[in-house]
Amino acid sequence: MTRSLAQLNRFFVSQDFSVYYRRAKQLLWQSPASSGYVLLTTLNGVLDYICDGDRKTLPGSPAVLLEPNTNVTAEGRNVELLFLMFSGSLVMQHATAMRSLPPKSIVTFTSDHVSDDKRLDSLLVEFVSELTAEKPGKDIVLRALVEQALVH
């Protein structure tokens, strides 16, 4: 039997990125298309989602990377959702600095789920820990985690 999760809703928004964490017994969530890149993951539970008309399931801890201008609707029970949005300019800046992007190119991701990535899983847990701790310096730590996630 799955244990019920206490409700929790936390978010952080900056010019270059936003982080949204939700823990819910019953979740119905919709994200309109944005100009940024998105990482959507479940830390607990199963999330059924519709991405630009395609119905998919995100079980356990896999993540999915979504390109700009993608609509997402998600629903689940006893689920923990983490939604990271990175501005296009931040993604391009990091890709260029890492010399992984030729000039006048765009960044694209595979639409497959990312799973069994211990480093990414660890970073995602750190995002949640930082959002829920409500300690001073949260903006600095979250920015460092965003940069680590982008480099990874």
Protein backbone atom coordinates (compact mmCIF):
# COMPACT_ATOMS: atom_id res chain seq x y z
CA MET A 1 0.00 0.00 0.00
CA THR A 2 1.29 3.46 -0.91
CA ARG A 3 1.58 5.87 2.01
CA SER A 4 -0.17 9.18 1.63
CA LEU A 5 1.98 12.27 1.21
CA ALA A 6 1.42 15.51 3.10
CA GLN A 7 0.60 18.38 0.73
CA LEU A 8 3.43 20.79 -0.03
CA ASN A 9 3.86 23.47 -2.68
CA ARG A 10 7.10 25.44 -3.16
CA PHE A 11 8.50 27.51 -6.00
CA PHE A 12 11.30 29.89 -6.85
CA VAL A 13 11.36 32.24 -9.84
CA SER A 14 14.27 34.21 -11.25
CA GLN A 15 15.00 35.87 -14.58
CA ASP A 16 16.93 32.85 -15.93
CA PHE A 17 15.15 29.89 -14.34
CA SER A 18 12.25 28.77 -12.20
CA VAL A 19 11.82 25.78 -9.92
CA TYR A 20 8.46 24.37 -8.89
CA TYR A 21 8.02 21.53 -6.39
CA ARG A 22 4.69 20.00 -5.55
CA ARG A 23 3.83 17.11 -3.28
CA ALA A 24 0.17 16.18 -3.48
CA LYS A 25 -2.32 13.43 -2.74
CA GLN A 26 -4.21 14.38 -5.88
CA LEU A 27 -2.51 16.41 -8.61
CA LEU A 28 -3.95 18.05 -11.69
CA TRP A 29 -1.44 20.51 -13.09
CA GLN A 30 -1.09 22.42 -16.33
CA SER A 31 1.92 24.30 -17.65
CA PRO A 32 1.43 26.57 -20.64
CA ALA A 33 4.05 26.63 -23.35
CA SER A 34 7.05 28.76 -22.41
CA SER A 35 10.07 30.03 -24.26
CA GLY A 36 12.34 28.06 -21.94
CA TYR A 37 13.59 24.50 -21.73
CA VAL A 38 11.92 22.28 -19.13
CA LEU A 39 12.97 19.34 -17.00
CA LEU A 40 9.96 17.51 -15.55
CA THR A 41 10.41 14.69 -13.06
CA THR A 42 8.64 12.69 -10.41
CA LEU A 43 10.49 11.98 -7.20
CA ASN A 44 7.75 9.73 -5.87
CA GLY A 45 4.63 8.24 -7.40
CA VAL A 46 3.51 8.03 -11.01
CA LEU A 47 2.63 10.99 -13.18
CA ASP A 48 0.48 10.70 -16.28
CA TYR A 49 1.09 13.61 -18.60
CA ILE A 50 0.08 14.94 -21.97
CA CYS A 51 2.80 16.73 -23.88
CA ASP A 52 1.63 18.48 -27.05
CA GLY A 53 -1.14 15.91 -27.51
CA ASP A 54 0.93 12.78 -26.72
CA ARG A 55 -0.16 10.89 -23.57
CA LYS A 56 2.76 9.44 -21.55
CA THR A 57 3.56 8.14 -18.07
CA LEU A 58 6.48 9.22 -15.89
CA PRO A 59 6.99 6.55 -13.21
CA GLY A 60 9.24 6.71 -10.15
CA SER A 61 12.21 8.98 -10.68
CA PRO A 62 12.70 9.28 -14.45
CA ALA A 63 12.80 12.78 -15.92
CA VAL A 64 11.86 14.16 -19.29
CA LEU A 65 13.46 17.14 -21.02
CA LEU A 66 11.09 19.35 -23.00
CA GLU A 67 11.98 21.92 -25.59
CA PRO A 68 10.55 25.46 -25.70
CA ASN A 69 6.91 26.02 -26.68
CA THR A 70 5.73 22.67 -25.29
CA ASN A 71 2.38 22.43 -23.46
CA VAL A 72 2.21 19.98 -20.54
CA THR A 73 -0.78 18.73 -18.55
CA ALA A 74 -0.10 16.27 -15.72
CA GLU A 75 -2.08 14.30 -13.19
CA GLY A 76 -1.24 11.79 -10.50
CA ARG A 77 -1.97 10.53 -7.00
CA ASN A 78 0.44 10.58 -4.08
CA VAL A 79 3.05 12.18 -6.28
CA GLU A 80 6.04 14.50 -5.91
CA LEU A 81 6.60 16.66 -8.99
CA LEU A 82 9.64 18.79 -9.74
CA PHE A 83 9.44 21.19 -12.68
CA LEU A 84 12.55 23.16 -13.70
CA MET A 85 12.38 25.79 -16.43
CA PHE A 86 15.62 27.19 -17.88
CA SER A 87 15.56 30.28 -20.11
CA GLY A 88 16.71 29.71 -23.66
CA SER A 89 19.47 32.28 -23.22
CA LEU A 90 20.83 30.50 -20.11
CA VAL A 91 20.90 27.15 -21.93
CA MET A 92 22.61 28.71 -24.95
CA GLN A 93 25.12 30.54 -22.74
CA HIS A 94 26.15 27.29 -21.01
CA ALA A 95 26.22 25.27 -24.23
CA THR A 96 28.45 27.90 -25.84
CA ALA A 97 30.75 28.13 -22.80
CA MET A 98 31.17 24.34 -22.83
CA ARG A 99 31.95 24.48 -26.57
CA SER A 100 29.22 21.94 -27.24
CA LEU A 101 27.29 24.15 -29.62
CA PRO A 102 28.48 25.41 -33.00
CA PRO A 103 27.70 29.07 -33.80
CA LYS A 104 24.15 29.84 -35.02
CA SER A 105 22.80 26.53 -33.70
CA ILE A 106 20.00 25.58 -31.33
CA VAL A 107 19.96 23.17 -28.40
CA THR A 108 17.70 20.13 -28.74
CA PHE A 109 17.02 17.23 -26.40
CA THR A 110 15.77 13.73 -26.97
CA SER A 111 12.14 13.18 -25.95
CA ASP A 112 13.03 9.90 -24.20
CA HIS A 113 12.79 9.65 -20.43
CA VAL A 114 16.08 10.04 -18.56
CA SER A 115 16.38 7.29 -15.96
CA ASP A 116 19.04 5.62 -13.82
CA ASP A 117 21.13 8.80 -13.71
CA LYS A 118 22.41 8.94 -10.14
CA ARG A 119 23.99 12.38 -10.50
CA LEU A 120 20.80 13.94 -11.89
CA ASP A 121 18.71 12.20 -9.21
CA SER A 122 21.03 13.63 -6.54
CA LEU A 123 20.74 17.15 -7.98
CA LEU A 124 16.94 16.92 -8.06
CA VAL A 125 16.83 15.87 -4.40
CA GLU A 126 19.05 18.86 -3.58
CA PHE A 127 16.61 21.18 -5.38
CA VAL A 128 13.76 19.90 -3.21
CA SER A 129 15.83 20.13 -0.04
CA GLU A 130 16.77 23.74 -0.77
CA LEU A 131 13.21 24.76 -1.68
CA THR A 132 11.69 23.24 1.45
CA ALA A 133 14.38 24.39 3.92
CA GLU A 134 13.55 28.12 3.60
CA LYS A 135 17.06 29.18 4.62
CA PRO A 136 18.93 32.39 3.69
CA GLY A 137 20.97 32.19 0.49
CA LYS A 138 18.44 29.96 -1.25
CA ASP A 139 18.73 31.95 -4.48
CA ILE A 140 22.51 31.44 -4.60
CA VAL A 141 22.29 27.70 -3.93
CA LEU A 142 19.47 27.20 -6.44
CA ARG A 143 21.45 29.04 -9.13
CA ALA A 144 24.46 26.79 -8.45
CA LEU A 145 22.22 23.70 -8.71
CA VAL A 146 20.76 24.99 -12.00
CA GLU A 147 24.26 25.44 -13.40
CA GLN A 148 25.25 21.94 -12.28
CA ALA A 149 22.12 20.48 -13.88
CA LEU A 150 22.78 22.31 -17.15
CA VAL A 151 26.40 21.19 -17.29
CA HIS A 152 25.39 17.63 -16.44
